[in-house]
Amino acid sequence: MEATAELFVELGLLKAEDDCRRKRLTRLIDLKNVYSWLKTEVTKPHFPQITKKYLLTFLNQKNVKRIAASDCEDRKVLLSGLYKF
């Protein structure tokens, strides 16, 4: 679960607790590129099941502006892949 939270912090979806880290993460990553990468990674056997559950839950939230603004075909493919697990 710690790795999942760290991933969300790096993507700018969760706020970093450490002030230094928060300052370092001022430039937001384009989530469309992340979706493209994740859609292939989640199918690999070494990708943690718990992370898949958290990703699915988090990416289905409607009230997160960054997620809503980054809707694309890769996100839809990623979500459908996460539902299979």
C-alpha atoms as a PDB file:
ATOM      1  CA  MET A   1       0.000   0.000   0.000  1.00  0.00           C
ATOM      2  CA  GLU A   2       2.924   2.326   0.684  1.00  0.00           C
ATOM      3  CA  ALA A   3       4.145   1.959  -2.895  1.00  0.00           C
ATOM      4  CA  THR A   4       0.684   2.795  -4.215  1.00  0.00           C
ATOM      5  CA  ALA A   5       0.515   5.955  -2.118  1.00  0.00           C
ATOM      6  CA  GLU A   6       3.986   6.947  -3.294  1.00  0.00           C
ATOM      7  CA  LEU A   7       2.915   6.470  -6.900  1.00  0.00           C
ATOM      8  CA  PHE A   8      -0.097   8.736  -6.374  1.00  0.00           C
ATOM      9  CA  VAL A   9       2.109  11.376  -4.735  1.00  0.00           C
ATOM     10  CA  GLU A  10       4.559  11.321  -7.646  1.00  0.00           C
ATOM     11  CA  LEU A  11       1.679  11.715 -10.100  1.00  0.00           C
ATOM     12  CA  GLY A  12       0.360  14.697  -8.191  1.00  0.00           C
ATOM     13  CA  LEU A  13      -2.857  12.953  -7.202  1.00  0.00           C
ATOM     14  CA  LEU A  14      -2.053  12.940  -3.482  1.00  0.00           C
ATOM     15  CA  LYS A  15      -0.380  15.677  -1.485  1.00  0.00           C
ATOM     16  CA  ALA A  16       3.141  14.910  -0.266  1.00  0.00           C
ATOM     17  CA  GLU A  17       3.576  15.123   3.499  1.00  0.00           C
ATOM     18  CA  ASP A  18       7.169  16.348   3.327  1.00  0.00           C
ATOM     19  CA  ASP A  19       7.519  20.052   2.443  1.00  0.00           C
ATOM     20  CA  CYS A  20      10.749  19.500   0.492  1.00  0.00           C
ATOM     21  CA  ARG A  21       9.156  16.784  -1.580  1.00  0.00           C
ATOM     22  CA  ARG A  22       6.065  18.914  -2.162  1.00  0.00           C
ATOM     23  CA  LYS A  23       8.258  21.702  -3.564  1.00  0.00           C
ATOM     24  CA  ARG A  24      10.081  19.234  -5.802  1.00  0.00           C
ATOM     25  CA  LEU A  25       6.798  17.993  -7.260  1.00  0.00           C
ATOM     26  CA  THR A  26       5.590  21.335  -8.567  1.00  0.00           C
ATOM     27  CA  ARG A  27       5.537  20.274 -12.230  1.00  0.00           C
ATOM     28  CA  LEU A  28       2.551  18.041 -12.907  1.00  0.00           C
ATOM     29  CA  ILE A  29       2.973  14.913 -14.988  1.00  0.00           C
ATOM     30  CA  ASP A  30       0.660  14.373 -17.948  1.00  0.00           C
ATOM     31  CA  LEU A  31      -1.584  11.543 -16.792  1.00  0.00           C
ATOM     32  CA  LYS A  32      -2.310  10.470 -20.364  1.00  0.00           C
ATOM     33  CA  ASN A  33       1.277   9.225 -20.650  1.00  0.00           C
ATOM     34  CA  VAL A  34       0.933   7.432 -17.326  1.00  0.00           C
ATOM     35  CA  TYR A  35      -2.249   5.694 -18.475  1.00  0.00           C
ATOM     36  CA  SER A  36      -0.465   4.531 -21.603  1.00  0.00           C
ATOM     37  CA  TRP A  37       2.333   3.015 -19.525  1.00  0.00           C
ATOM     38  CA  LEU A  38       0.065   1.559 -16.830  1.00  0.00           C
ATOM     39  CA  LYS A  39      -2.264  -0.210 -19.249  1.00  0.00           C
ATOM     40  CA  THR A  40       0.577  -2.578 -20.169  1.00  0.00           C
ATOM     41  CA  GLU A  41       2.067  -2.807 -16.675  1.00  0.00           C
ATOM     42  CA  VAL A  42      -1.113  -3.943 -14.910  1.00  0.00           C
ATOM     43  CA  THR A  43      -1.246  -7.059 -17.080  1.00  0.00           C
ATOM     44  CA  LYS A  44       2.172  -8.252 -15.900  1.00  0.00           C
ATOM     45  CA  PRO A  45       2.238 -10.897 -13.161  1.00  0.00           C
ATOM     46  CA  HIS A  46       4.569  -8.913 -10.886  1.00  0.00           C
ATOM     47  CA  PHE A  47       2.193  -5.931 -10.651  1.00  0.00           C
ATOM     48  CA  PRO A  48       0.643  -6.024  -7.132  1.00  0.00           C
ATOM     49  CA  GLN A  49      -3.038  -6.966  -6.901  1.00  0.00           C
ATOM     50  CA  ILE A  50      -3.649  -4.460  -4.112  1.00  0.00           C
ATOM     51  CA  THR A  51      -2.310  -1.668  -6.311  1.00  0.00           C
ATOM     52  CA  LYS A  52      -4.744  -2.684  -9.031  1.00  0.00           C
ATOM     53  CA  LYS A  53      -7.620  -2.355  -6.571  1.00  0.00           C
ATOM     54  CA  TYR A  54      -6.478   1.062  -5.385  1.00  0.00           C
ATOM     55  CA  LEU A  55      -5.898   2.295  -8.931  1.00  0.00           C
ATOM     56  CA  LEU A  56      -9.363   1.196  -9.968  1.00  0.00           C
ATOM     57  CA  THR A  57     -10.977   2.892  -6.994  1.00  0.00           C
ATOM     58  CA  PHE A  58      -8.958   6.075  -7.347  1.00  0.00           C
ATOM     59  CA  LEU A  59      -9.348   6.424 -11.112  1.00  0.00           C
ATOM     60  CA  ASN A  60     -13.123   6.001 -10.876  1.00  0.00           C
ATOM     61  CA  GLN A  61     -13.508   9.066  -8.665  1.00  0.00           C
ATOM     62  CA  LYS A  62     -15.501  11.808 -10.332  1.00  0.00           C
ATOM     63  CA  ASN A  63     -14.498  14.672  -8.033  1.00  0.00           C
ATOM     64  CA  VAL A  64     -10.743  14.707  -8.808  1.00  0.00           C
ATOM     65  CA  LYS A  65     -10.186  17.428 -11.405  1.00  0.00           C
ATOM     66  CA  ARG A  66      -6.868  16.049 -12.689  1.00  0.00           C
ATOM     67  CA  ILE A  67      -8.416  12.667 -13.395  1.00  0.00           C
ATOM     68  CA  ALA A  68     -11.502  14.134 -15.045  1.00  0.00           C
ATOM     69  CA  ALA A  69      -9.374  16.422 -17.226  1.00  0.00           C
ATOM     70  CA  SER A  70      -7.167  13.550 -18.364  1.00  0.00           C
ATOM     71  CA  ASP A  71      -9.875  11.321 -19.783  1.00  0.00           C
ATOM     72  CA  CYS A  72      -8.606   9.554 -22.902  1.00  0.00           C
ATOM     73  CA  GLU A  73      -8.718   6.217 -24.698  1.00  0.00           C
ATOM     74  CA  ASP A  74      -5.741   4.852 -22.730  1.00  0.00           C
ATOM     75  CA  ARG A  75      -7.554   5.574 -19.461  1.00  0.00           C
ATOM     76  CA  LYS A  76     -10.582   3.634 -20.677  1.00  0.00           C
ATOM     77  CA  VAL A  77      -8.384   0.699 -21.717  1.00  0.00           C
ATOM     78  CA  LEU A  78      -6.602   0.818 -18.351  1.00  0.00           C
ATOM     79  CA  LEU A  79      -9.890   0.827 -16.435  1.00  0.00           C
ATOM     80  CA  SER A  80     -11.291  -2.057 -18.450  1.00  0.00           C
ATOM     81  CA  GLY A  81      -8.068  -3.978 -17.824  1.00  0.00           C
ATOM     82  CA  LEU A  82      -8.303  -3.297 -14.097  1.00  0.00           C
ATOM     83  CA  TYR A  83     -11.884  -4.593 -14.005  1.00  0.00           C
ATOM     84  CA  LYS A  84     -10.665  -7.956 -15.331  1.00  0.00           C
ATOM     85  CA  PHE A  85      -8.626  -8.600 -12.179  1.00  0.00           C
END
